[in-house]
Amino acid sequence: MTDKAFDEVTSLRLRLDEMRLEHRDLDDAIVTLAASPTGDELMLRRLKKRKLALKDRIIAIEHMLSPDERA
């Protein structure tokens, strides 16, 4: 693996960790907002949509980092 490829993998792994943390934070915010008696439904929908999009990006990066199973 070249230095550039190694740097790219390292960068992706760091970004993946950041995204997973953000995903957990969004989950906590959704739970808190949903439990609130004055919960903002529009904000709740926006947070859920953002969390889902983030999960899709997490999965895409995980696939890039995982070795090809056919190899």
N, C-alpha and C. Protein backbone atom coordinates (compact mmCIF):
# COMPACT_ATOMS: atom_id res chain seq x y z
N MET A 1 0.85 -1.17 0.00
CA MET A 1 0.00 0.00 0.00
C MET A 1 0.90 1.24 0.00
N THR A 2 0.60 2.16 -0.89
CA THR A 2 1.41 3.38 -0.96
C THR A 2 1.07 4.30 0.20
N ASP A 3 1.94 5.27 0.42
CA ASP A 3 1.70 6.25 1.49
C ASP A 3 0.40 7.00 1.25
N LYS A 4 0.14 7.33 -0.02
CA LYS A 4 -1.08 8.07 -0.35
C LYS A 4 -2.32 7.23 -0.05
N ALA A 5 -2.28 5.97 -0.43
CA ALA A 5 -3.41 5.07 -0.17
C ALA A 5 -3.60 4.88 1.33
N PHE A 6 -2.50 4.75 2.05
CA PHE A 6 -2.57 4.60 3.50
C PHE A 6 -3.20 5.84 4.13
N ASP A 7 -2.79 7.02 3.66
CA ASP A 7 -3.34 8.28 4.17
C ASP A 7 -4.84 8.38 3.88
N GLU A 8 -5.25 7.93 2.70
CA GLU A 8 -6.67 7.97 2.34
C GLU A 8 -7.49 7.04 3.23
N VAL A 9 -6.97 5.85 3.48
CA VAL A 9 -7.66 4.89 4.35
C VAL A 9 -7.75 5.45 5.77
N THR A 10 -6.66 6.01 6.25
CA THR A 10 -6.65 6.60 7.59
C THR A 10 -7.66 7.73 7.67
N SER A 11 -7.69 8.56 6.65
CA SER A 11 -8.63 9.69 6.62
C SER A 11 -10.08 9.18 6.62
N LEU A 12 -10.34 8.14 5.84
CA LEU A 12 -11.70 7.58 5.80
C LEU A 12 -12.09 6.99 7.15
N ARG A 13 -11.15 6.33 7.80
CA ARG A 13 -11.44 5.74 9.12
C ARG A 13 -11.74 6.83 10.15
N LEU A 14 -10.99 7.92 10.11
CA LEU A 14 -11.24 9.04 11.03
C LEU A 14 -12.61 9.66 10.74
N ARG A 15 -12.90 9.85 9.47
CA ARG A 15 -14.20 10.43 9.10
C ARG A 15 -15.33 9.50 9.53
N LEU A 16 -15.12 8.21 9.38
CA LEU A 16 -16.12 7.23 9.79
C LEU A 16 -16.39 7.32 11.29
N ASP A 17 -15.34 7.44 12.08
CA ASP A 17 -15.50 7.59 13.53
C ASP A 17 -16.30 8.85 13.87
N GLU A 18 -15.99 9.95 13.17
CA GLU A 18 -16.71 11.21 13.41
C GLU A 18 -18.19 11.06 13.05
N MET A 19 -18.45 10.38 11.93
CA MET A 19 -19.83 10.21 11.49
C MET A 19 -20.61 9.31 12.45
N ARG A 20 -19.96 8.28 12.96
CA ARG A 20 -20.63 7.41 13.93
C ARG A 20 -20.98 8.17 15.20
N LEU A 21 -20.09 9.04 15.63
CA LEU A 21 -20.34 9.86 16.81
C LEU A 21 -21.51 10.81 16.55
N GLU A 22 -21.51 11.44 15.39
CA GLU A 22 -22.61 12.34 15.04
C GLU A 22 -23.93 11.57 14.98
N HIS A 23 -23.89 10.35 14.46
CA HIS A 23 -25.09 9.51 14.37
C HIS A 23 -25.65 9.23 15.77
N ARG A 24 -24.76 8.91 16.71
CA ARG A 24 -25.20 8.67 18.10
C ARG A 24 -25.77 9.94 18.72
N ASP A 25 -25.12 11.07 18.45
CA ASP A 25 -25.61 12.34 18.97
C ASP A 25 -26.99 12.67 18.42
N LEU A 26 -27.19 12.42 17.14
CA LEU A 26 -28.50 12.65 16.54
C LEU A 26 -29.55 11.74 17.17
N ASP A 27 -29.18 10.49 17.41
CA ASP A 27 -30.10 9.56 18.05
C ASP A 27 -30.51 10.07 19.43
N ASP A 28 -29.54 10.55 20.20
CA ASP A 28 -29.84 11.11 21.52
C ASP A 28 -30.77 12.32 21.41
N ALA A 29 -30.50 13.19 20.44
CA ALA A 29 -31.33 14.38 20.26
C ALA A 29 -32.75 14.01 19.86
N ILE A 30 -32.89 12.99 19.02
CA ILE A 30 -34.21 12.53 18.59
C ILE A 30 -34.99 11.98 19.78
N VAL A 31 -34.34 11.16 20.59
CA VAL A 31 -35.00 10.58 21.77
C VAL A 31 -35.45 11.69 22.72
N THR A 32 -34.57 12.65 22.94
CA THR A 32 -34.90 13.76 23.86
C THR A 32 -36.05 14.57 23.33
N LEU A 33 -36.00 14.92 22.04
CA LEU A 33 -37.06 15.74 21.45
C LEU A 33 -38.39 14.98 21.42
N ALA A 34 -38.35 13.69 21.12
CA ALA A 34 -39.57 12.89 21.06
C ALA A 34 -40.20 12.77 22.44
N ALA A 35 -39.39 12.77 23.48
CA ALA A 35 -39.91 12.63 24.85
C ALA A 35 -40.45 13.95 25.39
N SER A 36 -40.11 15.04 24.73
CA SER A 36 -40.54 16.36 25.19
C SER A 36 -42.03 16.57 24.90
N PRO A 37 -42.79 17.06 25.89
CA PRO A 37 -44.22 17.28 25.66
C PRO A 37 -44.47 18.36 24.61
N THR A 38 -43.51 19.23 24.41
CA THR A 38 -43.67 20.28 23.40
C THR A 38 -42.77 20.02 22.21
N GLY A 39 -42.52 18.74 21.91
CA GLY A 39 -41.61 18.36 20.83
C GLY A 39 -42.02 18.95 19.49
N ASP A 40 -41.06 19.48 18.78
CA ASP A 40 -41.27 20.08 17.47
C ASP A 40 -41.25 18.98 16.42
N GLU A 41 -42.41 18.68 15.84
CA GLU A 41 -42.52 17.58 14.88
C GLU A 41 -41.68 17.82 13.64
N LEU A 42 -41.63 19.06 13.17
CA LEU A 42 -40.83 19.37 11.99
C LEU A 42 -39.34 19.13 12.27
N MET A 43 -38.88 19.59 13.42
CA MET A 43 -37.49 19.39 13.79
C MET A 43 -37.19 17.90 13.95
N LEU A 44 -38.12 17.17 14.52
CA LEU A 44 -37.95 15.73 14.71
C LEU A 44 -37.80 15.04 13.36
N ARG A 45 -38.63 15.40 12.40
CA ARG A 45 -38.53 14.81 11.06
C ARG A 45 -37.20 15.16 10.41
N ARG A 46 -36.76 16.40 10.58
CA ARG A 46 -35.48 16.82 10.00
C ARG A 46 -34.31 16.05 10.60
N LEU A 47 -34.34 15.87 11.92
CA LEU A 47 -33.27 15.12 12.58
C LEU A 47 -33.25 13.66 12.11
N LYS A 48 -34.43 13.07 11.99
CA LYS A 48 -34.50 11.67 11.53
C LYS A 48 -34.00 11.54 10.09
N LYS A 49 -34.35 12.51 9.25
CA LYS A 49 -33.89 12.48 7.86
C LYS A 49 -32.37 12.62 7.80
N ARG A 50 -31.83 13.52 8.60
CA ARG A 50 -30.38 13.72 8.63
C ARG A 50 -29.68 12.47 9.14
N LYS A 51 -30.26 11.84 10.17
CA LYS A 51 -29.67 10.61 10.73
C LYS A 51 -29.66 9.50 9.69
N LEU A 52 -30.74 9.38 8.93
CA LEU A 52 -30.81 8.35 7.89
C LEU A 52 -29.79 8.60 6.79
N ALA A 53 -29.65 9.85 6.36
CA ALA A 53 -28.66 10.18 5.33
C ALA A 53 -27.25 9.90 5.83
N LEU A 54 -27.01 10.22 7.08
CA LEU A 54 -25.70 9.97 7.68
C LEU A 54 -25.42 8.47 7.73
N LYS A 55 -26.43 7.69 8.07
CA LYS A 55 -26.26 6.22 8.12
C LYS A 55 -25.91 5.69 6.74
N ASP A 56 -26.55 6.23 5.70
CA ASP A 56 -26.24 5.81 4.33
C ASP A 56 -24.78 6.11 3.98
N ARG A 57 -24.28 7.28 4.40
CA ARG A 57 -22.89 7.63 4.13
C ARG A 57 -21.94 6.74 4.92
N ILE A 58 -22.32 6.41 6.15
CA ILE A 58 -21.51 5.51 6.98
C ILE A 58 -21.38 4.15 6.29
N ILE A 59 -22.48 3.63 5.81
CA ILE A 59 -22.47 2.33 5.13
C ILE A 59 -21.60 2.39 3.87
N ALA A 60 -21.69 3.47 3.13
CA ALA A 60 -20.88 3.61 1.91
C ALA A 60 -19.39 3.59 2.24
N ILE A 61 -18.99 4.30 3.29
CA ILE A 61 -17.58 4.32 3.67
C ILE A 61 -17.15 2.94 4.19
N GLU A 62 -18.01 2.29 4.95
CA GLU A 62 -17.68 0.94 5.44
C GLU A 62 -17.44 -0.01 4.27
N HIS A 63 -18.24 0.12 3.22
CA HIS A 63 -18.05 -0.74 2.05
C HIS A 63 -16.74 -0.42 1.34
N MET A 64 -16.35 0.84 1.30
CA MET A 64 -15.08 1.21 0.69
C MET A 64 -13.90 0.65 1.48
N LEU A 65 -14.04 0.58 2.78
CA LEU A 65 -12.95 0.13 3.63
C LEU A 65 -12.88 -1.40 3.78
N SER A 66 -13.98 -2.07 3.50
CA SER A 66 -13.98 -3.53 3.67
C SER A 66 -13.38 -4.19 2.44
N PRO A 67 -12.65 -5.26 2.64
CA PRO A 67 -12.05 -5.95 1.50
C PRO A 67 -13.13 -6.62 0.64
N ASP A 68 -12.83 -6.76 -0.62
CA ASP A 68 -13.74 -7.43 -1.54
C ASP A 68 -13.87 -8.90 -1.14
N GLU A 69 -15.09 -9.34 -0.90
CA GLU A 69 -15.31 -10.72 -0.44
C GLU A 69 -14.98 -11.75 -1.51
N ARG A 70 -14.99 -11.35 -2.78
CA ARG A 70 -14.70 -12.28 -3.85
C ARG A 70 -13.20 -12.53 -4.00
N ALA A 71 -12.40 -11.69 -3.41
CA ALA A 71 -10.94 -11.83 -3.55
C ALA A 71 -10.40 -12.97 -2.73
